[in-house]
Amino acid sequence: MAPSENEMTPALAVPVKPPRRIMIFSGHMVDAPDRAAPRFPATKEKSVRRRLAEQLRAWGVGADDLAISGAARGGDMLFAELCVEFGAEVWLFLPRPEEEFLDESVRLPGSSWERRFRALCARPRVRRFFQHEHLGEDRDSLGVHARNNLWMIETARKLAGSPDRIHALLVWDEKSTGDGPGGTSDFVARVQELGGVVAPPINPTKLPAEL
């Protein structure tokens, strides 16, 4: 059974000011070195960042906008960092308590991702929301990552007022994640069904490597 809208949109902090638009993001983490099938190699980070910046610039993202994403290494963090640079307010939805989240989704030996996570969280217009504090128990057994995507979409829907004010970006290898709730394929379908704007996916496997 799908979670109710009320379960996915608990009371959150009010945005600093009513947002002009809501930017939401779903995408892959940077691969661990032992990943068998590359999906987002670390050598593609600069290319992905450039494409994200181009899209945000084309949309004119700025101080009147609110961006909502996760904070995993890779797509999430690149999106959030760029939205901060463009002046938007940024909300980070975290699927696990901080230490568990850092171990699962941020830390990589020899990388700067944990330092970047902490620097991002320290920015004045960045706020964090932990799933276990706001959504409570996963009664539908969706899994924390599926719940996080649904949480972002429903929060955006509630705050946007009009669906055309929801803009979604993706860093995705364009492989189907099945029909279940919360995967990237489902994320795209739900935003489109709402009437939101979905940018063409940024596929790291098709971009050049840069050191």
Protein backbone atom coordinates (compact mmCIF):
# COMPACT_ATOMS: atom_id res chain seq x y z
CA MET A 1 0.00 0.00 0.00
CA ALA A 2 1.34 3.45 -0.91
CA PRO A 3 1.88 5.87 1.99
CA SER A 4 -0.68 8.60 2.45
CA GLU A 5 0.06 12.22 1.55
CA ASN A 6 -0.11 13.16 5.23
CA GLU A 7 2.55 10.58 6.08
CA MET A 8 4.84 12.05 3.42
CA THR A 9 4.22 15.71 4.29
CA PRO A 10 4.56 16.14 8.05
CA ALA A 11 4.94 19.64 9.45
CA LEU A 12 8.33 21.05 8.47
CA ALA A 13 9.96 24.40 8.97
CA VAL A 14 8.45 27.16 6.86
CA PRO A 15 10.74 28.38 4.04
CA VAL A 16 12.54 31.63 4.79
CA LYS A 17 10.17 33.24 2.28
CA PRO A 18 7.47 31.79 0.03
CA PRO A 19 9.39 30.12 -2.82
CA ARG A 20 8.90 31.09 -6.43
CA ARG A 21 9.63 27.51 -7.49
CA ILE A 22 10.64 24.22 -5.90
CA MET A 23 13.66 22.41 -7.35
CA ILE A 24 13.88 18.71 -6.51
CA PHE A 25 16.55 16.19 -7.35
CA SER A 26 17.04 12.45 -7.67
CA GLY A 27 20.22 10.77 -8.79
CA HIS A 28 23.11 8.41 -8.35
CA MET A 29 25.91 8.47 -5.83
CA VAL A 30 29.51 8.55 -7.02
CA ASP A 31 30.56 4.92 -7.38
CA ALA A 32 32.58 3.14 -4.74
CA PRO A 33 35.91 1.92 -6.20
CA ASP A 34 34.78 -1.72 -6.11
CA ARG A 35 31.50 -1.19 -7.98
CA ALA A 36 31.28 -3.89 -10.66
CA ALA A 37 29.25 -1.94 -13.24
CA PRO A 38 30.18 1.77 -13.34
CA ARG A 39 27.21 4.11 -13.03
CA PHE A 40 28.74 7.39 -11.83
CA PRO A 41 32.55 7.07 -11.80
CA ALA A 42 34.43 9.72 -9.83
CA THR A 43 36.09 10.84 -13.08
CA LYS A 44 32.69 12.08 -14.34
CA GLU A 45 32.09 14.49 -11.43
CA LYS A 46 33.23 17.65 -13.25
CA SER A 47 31.18 16.84 -16.34
CA VAL A 48 28.06 16.16 -14.25
CA ARG A 49 28.57 19.33 -12.23
CA ARG A 50 28.87 21.37 -15.41
CA ARG A 51 25.64 19.95 -16.85
CA LEU A 52 23.76 20.55 -13.60
CA ALA A 53 25.01 24.15 -13.48
CA GLU A 54 23.93 24.71 -17.08
CA GLN A 55 20.39 23.52 -16.33
CA LEU A 56 20.08 25.55 -13.13
CA ARG A 57 21.35 28.61 -14.97
CA ALA A 58 18.89 28.03 -17.83
CA TRP A 59 16.08 27.94 -15.29
CA GLY A 60 17.34 31.12 -13.66
CA VAL A 61 17.57 29.57 -10.19
CA GLY A 62 18.15 32.16 -7.50
CA ALA A 63 17.32 33.49 -4.08
CA ASP A 64 13.54 33.18 -4.58
CA ASP A 65 13.73 29.41 -5.12
CA LEU A 66 13.77 26.43 -2.75
CA ALA A 67 15.81 23.31 -3.57
CA ILE A 68 15.09 19.95 -1.94
CA SER A 69 17.41 16.95 -2.25
CA GLY A 70 19.25 14.28 -0.35
CA ALA A 71 22.89 14.76 0.60
CA ALA A 72 24.70 11.67 -0.62
CA ARG A 73 28.06 11.95 -2.35
CA GLY A 74 27.66 12.57 -6.05
CA GLY A 75 24.47 13.90 -7.61
CA ASP A 76 22.72 15.00 -4.41
CA MET A 77 25.63 16.97 -3.08
CA LEU A 78 26.57 18.51 -6.42
CA PHE A 79 22.99 19.69 -6.92
CA ALA A 80 22.76 21.12 -3.39
CA GLU A 81 26.17 22.84 -3.57
CA LEU A 82 25.23 24.47 -6.87
CA CYS A 83 21.84 25.62 -5.60
CA VAL A 84 23.61 27.27 -2.67
CA GLU A 85 25.97 28.99 -5.12
CA PHE A 86 22.97 30.24 -7.12
CA GLY A 87 21.50 31.68 -3.93
CA ALA A 88 18.57 29.31 -3.39
CA GLU A 89 17.39 28.05 -0.02
CA VAL A 90 18.31 24.37 0.30
CA TRP A 91 16.58 21.64 2.31
CA LEU A 92 18.41 18.34 2.74
CA PHE A 93 16.22 15.30 3.43
CA LEU A 94 18.32 12.60 5.09
CA PRO A 95 17.05 8.99 5.11
CA ARG A 96 19.02 7.86 8.17
CA PRO A 97 20.53 9.32 11.37
CA GLU A 98 23.69 11.26 10.57
CA GLU A 99 26.42 8.71 11.38
CA GLU A 100 24.56 5.88 9.63
CA PHE A 101 23.97 8.13 6.64
CA LEU A 102 27.61 9.20 6.45
CA ASP A 103 28.81 5.58 6.55
CA GLU A 104 26.32 4.41 3.93
CA SER A 105 26.13 7.31 1.51
CA VAL A 106 28.91 9.88 1.97
CA ARG A 107 32.24 8.51 3.16
CA LEU A 108 34.78 7.15 0.70
CA PRO A 109 38.41 6.57 1.70
CA GLY A 110 40.69 9.25 0.33
CA SER A 111 37.83 11.50 -0.77
CA SER A 112 36.62 14.92 0.38
CA TRP A 113 32.91 14.04 0.43
CA GLU A 114 32.50 14.09 4.21
CA ARG A 115 34.22 17.47 4.46
CA ARG A 116 31.97 18.80 1.71
CA PHE A 117 28.88 17.43 3.46
CA ARG A 118 29.77 19.25 6.67
CA ALA A 119 30.60 22.46 4.81
CA LEU A 120 27.29 22.29 2.95
CA CYS A 121 25.31 21.74 6.15
CA ALA A 122 27.01 24.75 7.73
CA ARG A 123 25.80 27.17 5.07
CA PRO A 124 23.25 29.68 6.42
CA ARG A 125 20.40 28.87 4.00
CA VAL A 126 20.79 25.09 4.26
CA ARG A 127 18.53 23.10 6.58
CA ARG A 128 18.51 19.39 7.39
CA PHE A 129 15.51 17.14 8.00
CA PHE A 130 15.92 13.56 9.21
CA GLN A 131 13.39 11.02 8.01
CA HIS A 132 13.22 9.12 11.30
CA GLU A 133 12.30 12.36 13.11
CA HIS A 134 9.66 13.54 10.63
CA LEU A 135 8.11 10.42 9.11
CA GLY A 136 8.43 7.92 11.93
CA GLU A 137 8.14 4.18 11.35
CA ASP A 138 8.13 2.76 7.82
CA ARG A 139 4.81 0.94 8.14
CA ASP A 140 4.64 0.20 4.41
CA SER A 141 8.14 -1.35 4.20
CA LEU A 142 9.12 0.90 1.32
CA GLY A 143 12.71 1.31 2.44
CA VAL A 144 14.28 4.57 3.54
CA HIS A 145 15.52 5.64 0.10
CA ALA A 146 12.17 5.10 -1.61
CA ARG A 147 10.48 7.01 1.22
CA ASN A 148 12.94 9.87 0.80
CA ASN A 149 12.06 10.37 -2.86
CA LEU A 150 8.33 10.28 -2.09
CA TRP A 151 8.87 12.68 0.81
CA MET A 152 10.60 15.19 -1.46
CA ILE A 153 7.92 15.00 -4.13
CA GLU A 154 5.02 15.37 -1.70
CA THR A 155 6.71 18.23 0.15
CA ALA A 156 7.30 20.01 -3.16
CA ARG A 157 3.69 19.44 -4.18
CA LYS A 158 2.42 20.90 -0.92
CA LEU A 159 4.68 23.97 -1.00
CA ALA A 160 4.48 24.73 -4.74
CA GLY A 161 0.78 25.53 -4.91
CA SER A 162 0.84 25.03 -8.68
CA PRO A 163 2.51 21.92 -10.19
CA ASP A 164 4.27 23.88 -12.92
CA ARG A 165 6.37 25.46 -10.15
CA ILE A 166 7.99 22.06 -9.45
CA HIS A 167 11.21 21.54 -11.42
CA ALA A 168 13.06 18.20 -11.26
CA LEU A 169 16.64 17.35 -12.16
CA LEU A 170 18.10 13.86 -12.48
CA VAL A 171 21.55 12.31 -12.59
CA TRP A 172 20.60 8.89 -13.88
CA ASP A 173 21.97 6.16 -16.15
CA GLU A 174 18.43 5.87 -17.63
CA LYS A 175 18.05 2.23 -16.63
CA SER A 176 14.66 1.28 -15.29
CA THR A 177 14.36 0.89 -11.54
CA GLY A 178 11.14 -1.11 -11.84
CA ASP A 179 7.59 -0.21 -10.99
CA GLY A 180 7.92 0.20 -7.23
CA PRO A 181 7.70 3.56 -5.49
CA GLY A 182 10.78 5.66 -4.90
CA GLY A 183 13.17 4.61 -7.67
CA THR A 184 14.34 7.12 -10.26
CA SER A 185 11.92 5.84 -12.93
CA ASP A 186 9.08 6.22 -10.45
CA PHE A 187 10.35 9.65 -9.39
CA VAL A 188 10.20 10.88 -13.00
CA ALA A 189 6.73 9.42 -13.58
CA ARG A 190 5.31 10.96 -10.40
CA VAL A 191 6.66 14.45 -11.13
CA GLN A 192 5.35 14.30 -14.70
CA GLU A 193 1.95 13.05 -13.48
CA LEU A 194 1.76 16.04 -11.14
CA GLY A 195 2.44 18.36 -14.08
CA GLY A 196 5.92 19.34 -12.98
CA VAL A 197 8.84 20.23 -15.24
CA VAL A 198 11.42 17.46 -15.66
CA ALA A 199 14.77 18.29 -17.26
CA PRO A 200 16.40 15.76 -19.60
CA PRO A 201 18.37 13.31 -17.43
CA ILE A 202 22.09 13.80 -17.02
CA ASN A 203 23.62 10.39 -17.70
CA PRO A 204 27.17 10.09 -16.31
CA THR A 205 27.90 7.04 -18.45
CA LYS A 206 27.53 9.21 -21.57
CA LEU A 207 29.71 12.10 -20.40
CA PRO A 208 33.47 12.52 -20.81
CA ALA A 209 35.82 11.73 -17.95
CA GLU A 210 37.79 14.63 -16.50
CA LEU A 211 40.51 14.51 -13.88
